[in-house]
Amino acid sequence: PRKQACINVEFTIRFLHPAEAVLLLISNRIDGIDAATLTFALKSEVKHIEPGGIIKCKSPCYEL
């Protein structure tokens, strides 16, 4: 009880609309002590968009 832990959650967005997910933290039994399972509802928010880069390629439009 009353302990803290830092957990980094990384998400790579592929769409502009918000995405939702559920994060479940399930405890392992250590020294015979059980801890509660924690559940979090996560929702993304797009605030800034950067281009991934430019790809140049050549290809014929039509071939027989």
N, C-alpha and C. Protein backbone atom coordinates (compact mmCIF):
# COMPACT_ATOMS: atom_id res chain seq x y z
N PRO A 1 0.82 -1.20 0.00
CA PRO A 1 0.00 0.00 0.00
C PRO A 1 0.86 1.26 0.00
N ARG A 2 0.33 2.29 -0.59
CA ARG A 2 0.97 3.61 -0.64
C ARG A 2 2.31 3.61 -1.35
N LYS A 3 2.50 2.69 -2.25
CA LYS A 3 3.72 2.70 -3.05
C LYS A 3 3.38 3.20 -4.44
N GLN A 4 4.39 3.69 -5.13
CA GLN A 4 4.19 4.23 -6.46
C GLN A 4 5.12 3.53 -7.44
N ALA A 5 4.69 3.51 -8.68
CA ALA A 5 5.52 2.98 -9.76
C ALA A 5 5.25 3.80 -11.01
N CYS A 6 6.28 4.03 -11.79
CA CYS A 6 6.13 4.76 -13.05
C CYS A 6 6.06 3.75 -14.18
N ILE A 7 5.08 3.92 -15.05
CA ILE A 7 4.89 3.04 -16.20
C ILE A 7 4.76 3.93 -17.42
N ASN A 8 5.63 3.73 -18.40
CA ASN A 8 5.55 4.48 -19.65
C ASN A 8 4.67 3.72 -20.63
N VAL A 9 3.70 4.42 -21.19
CA VAL A 9 2.82 3.85 -22.20
C VAL A 9 3.05 4.62 -23.47
N GLU A 10 3.47 3.92 -24.53
CA GLU A 10 3.75 4.58 -25.81
C GLU A 10 2.73 4.14 -26.84
N PHE A 11 2.24 5.09 -27.60
CA PHE A 11 1.22 4.82 -28.60
C PHE A 11 1.58 5.56 -29.88
N THR A 12 1.58 4.85 -30.98
CA THR A 12 1.83 5.46 -32.29
C THR A 12 0.50 5.54 -33.02
N ILE A 13 0.03 6.75 -33.22
CA ILE A 13 -1.27 6.95 -33.84
C ILE A 13 -1.18 6.81 -35.36
N ARG A 14 -2.18 6.22 -35.96
CA ARG A 14 -2.22 6.05 -37.41
C ARG A 14 -3.38 6.81 -38.03
N PHE A 15 -4.27 7.32 -37.21
CA PHE A 15 -5.45 8.03 -37.70
C PHE A 15 -5.55 9.37 -36.97
N LEU A 16 -6.30 10.29 -37.55
CA LEU A 16 -6.46 11.60 -36.93
C LEU A 16 -7.53 11.61 -35.85
N HIS A 17 -8.46 10.66 -35.89
CA HIS A 17 -9.51 10.65 -34.88
C HIS A 17 -9.01 9.98 -33.60
N PRO A 18 -9.60 10.31 -32.46
CA PRO A 18 -9.14 9.74 -31.18
C PRO A 18 -9.29 8.22 -31.16
N ALA A 19 -8.38 7.57 -30.46
CA ALA A 19 -8.44 6.13 -30.28
C ALA A 19 -8.63 5.84 -28.80
N GLU A 20 -9.24 4.70 -28.50
CA GLU A 20 -9.46 4.32 -27.12
C GLU A 20 -8.86 2.95 -26.86
N ALA A 21 -8.39 2.73 -25.64
CA ALA A 21 -7.81 1.44 -25.25
C ALA A 21 -8.03 1.24 -23.76
N VAL A 22 -7.85 0.00 -23.33
CA VAL A 22 -7.95 -0.34 -21.91
C VAL A 22 -6.60 -0.88 -21.46
N LEU A 23 -6.09 -0.35 -20.37
CA LEU A 23 -4.82 -0.81 -19.78
C LEU A 23 -5.14 -1.56 -18.50
N LEU A 24 -4.76 -2.84 -18.46
CA LEU A 24 -4.96 -3.67 -17.27
C LEU A 24 -3.62 -3.93 -16.62
N LEU A 25 -3.51 -3.63 -15.35
CA LEU A 25 -2.31 -3.92 -14.58
C LEU A 25 -2.68 -5.03 -13.59
N ILE A 26 -2.12 -6.22 -13.81
CA ILE A 26 -2.44 -7.38 -13.00
C ILE A 26 -1.22 -7.71 -12.15
N SER A 27 -1.42 -7.85 -10.86
CA SER A 27 -0.30 -8.06 -9.95
C SER A 27 0.18 -9.50 -9.97
N ASN A 28 1.46 -9.68 -9.69
CA ASN A 28 2.04 -11.00 -9.43
C ASN A 28 2.15 -11.17 -7.93
N ARG A 29 1.96 -12.37 -7.49
CA ARG A 29 2.04 -12.63 -6.05
C ARG A 29 3.51 -12.62 -5.63
N ILE A 30 3.86 -11.68 -4.74
CA ILE A 30 5.21 -11.57 -4.21
C ILE A 30 5.13 -11.69 -2.69
N ASP A 31 5.87 -12.61 -2.12
CA ASP A 31 5.88 -12.83 -0.67
C ASP A 31 4.49 -13.14 -0.13
N GLY A 32 3.66 -13.77 -0.95
CA GLY A 32 2.32 -14.16 -0.49
C GLY A 32 1.33 -13.02 -0.40
N ILE A 33 1.67 -11.86 -0.94
CA ILE A 33 0.78 -10.69 -0.86
C ILE A 33 0.13 -10.48 -2.22
N ASP A 34 -1.18 -10.43 -2.23
CA ASP A 34 -1.91 -10.13 -3.46
C ASP A 34 -2.24 -8.65 -3.52
N ALA A 35 -2.18 -8.10 -4.70
CA ALA A 35 -2.55 -6.69 -4.89
C ALA A 35 -3.75 -6.63 -5.84
N ALA A 36 -4.43 -5.53 -5.82
CA ALA A 36 -5.61 -5.36 -6.66
C ALA A 36 -5.21 -5.19 -8.12
N THR A 37 -6.07 -5.65 -9.00
CA THR A 37 -5.90 -5.40 -10.42
C THR A 37 -6.42 -4.00 -10.72
N LEU A 38 -5.63 -3.23 -11.44
CA LEU A 38 -6.01 -1.86 -11.78
C LEU A 38 -6.40 -1.80 -13.25
N THR A 39 -7.47 -1.07 -13.54
CA THR A 39 -7.96 -0.92 -14.91
C THR A 39 -8.05 0.57 -15.24
N PHE A 40 -7.50 0.93 -16.40
CA PHE A 40 -7.53 2.33 -16.85
C PHE A 40 -8.11 2.40 -18.25
N ALA A 41 -8.99 3.35 -18.50
CA ALA A 41 -9.50 3.62 -19.84
C ALA A 41 -8.64 4.74 -20.42
N LEU A 42 -7.99 4.47 -21.54
CA LEU A 42 -7.10 5.44 -22.18
C LEU A 42 -7.75 5.99 -23.45
N LYS A 43 -7.58 7.28 -23.67
CA LYS A 43 -8.11 7.90 -24.88
C LYS A 43 -7.05 8.85 -25.42
N SER A 44 -6.74 8.72 -26.70
CA SER A 44 -5.71 9.56 -27.30
C SER A 44 -6.30 10.91 -27.71
N GLU A 45 -5.41 11.89 -27.81
CA GLU A 45 -5.80 13.22 -28.27
C GLU A 45 -4.69 13.73 -29.16
N VAL A 46 -5.01 14.00 -30.42
CA VAL A 46 -4.01 14.47 -31.38
C VAL A 46 -3.90 15.98 -31.26
N LYS A 47 -2.72 16.46 -30.85
CA LYS A 47 -2.50 17.89 -30.70
C LYS A 47 -1.54 18.45 -31.73
N HIS A 48 -0.68 17.59 -32.26
CA HIS A 48 0.34 18.05 -33.20
C HIS A 48 0.65 16.93 -34.18
N ILE A 49 0.78 17.27 -35.44
CA ILE A 49 1.06 16.28 -36.47
C ILE A 49 2.34 16.68 -37.20
N GLU A 50 3.27 15.75 -37.32
CA GLU A 50 4.49 15.97 -38.10
C GLU A 50 4.53 14.97 -39.25
N PRO A 51 4.97 15.42 -40.41
CA PRO A 51 5.05 14.48 -41.53
C PRO A 51 6.11 13.41 -41.25
N GLY A 52 5.85 12.20 -41.73
CA GLY A 52 6.77 11.10 -41.52
C GLY A 52 7.96 11.15 -42.46
N GLY A 53 7.90 11.94 -43.49
CA GLY A 53 8.98 12.05 -44.44
C GLY A 53 8.44 11.99 -45.86
N ILE A 54 9.32 12.17 -46.81
CA ILE A 54 8.96 12.15 -48.23
C ILE A 54 9.67 10.98 -48.89
N ILE A 55 8.92 10.24 -49.67
CA ILE A 55 9.48 9.11 -50.41
C ILE A 55 9.38 9.43 -51.89
N LYS A 56 10.50 9.35 -52.60
CA LYS A 56 10.50 9.57 -54.04
C LYS A 56 10.67 8.23 -54.74
N CYS A 57 9.86 7.99 -55.74
CA CYS A 57 10.01 6.76 -56.52
C CYS A 57 9.60 7.02 -57.96
N LYS A 58 10.16 6.23 -58.87
CA LYS A 58 9.82 6.32 -60.29
C LYS A 58 9.20 5.00 -60.72
N SER A 59 8.18 5.13 -61.55
CA SER A 59 7.52 3.94 -62.04
C SER A 59 6.79 4.30 -63.33
N PRO A 60 6.80 3.40 -64.31
CA PRO A 60 6.04 3.70 -65.52
C PRO A 60 4.55 3.68 -65.22
N CYS A 61 3.83 4.56 -65.91
CA CYS A 61 2.40 4.62 -65.67
C CYS A 61 1.67 3.42 -66.26
N TYR A 62 2.20 2.94 -67.44
CA TYR A 62 1.52 1.84 -68.11
C TYR A 62 2.55 1.08 -68.94
N GLU A 63 2.48 -0.22 -68.91
CA GLU A 63 3.32 -1.04 -69.77
C GLU A 63 2.47 -2.04 -70.51
N LEU A 64 2.85 -2.33 -71.74
CA LEU A 64 2.13 -3.36 -72.52
C LEU A 64 2.48 -4.73 -72.02
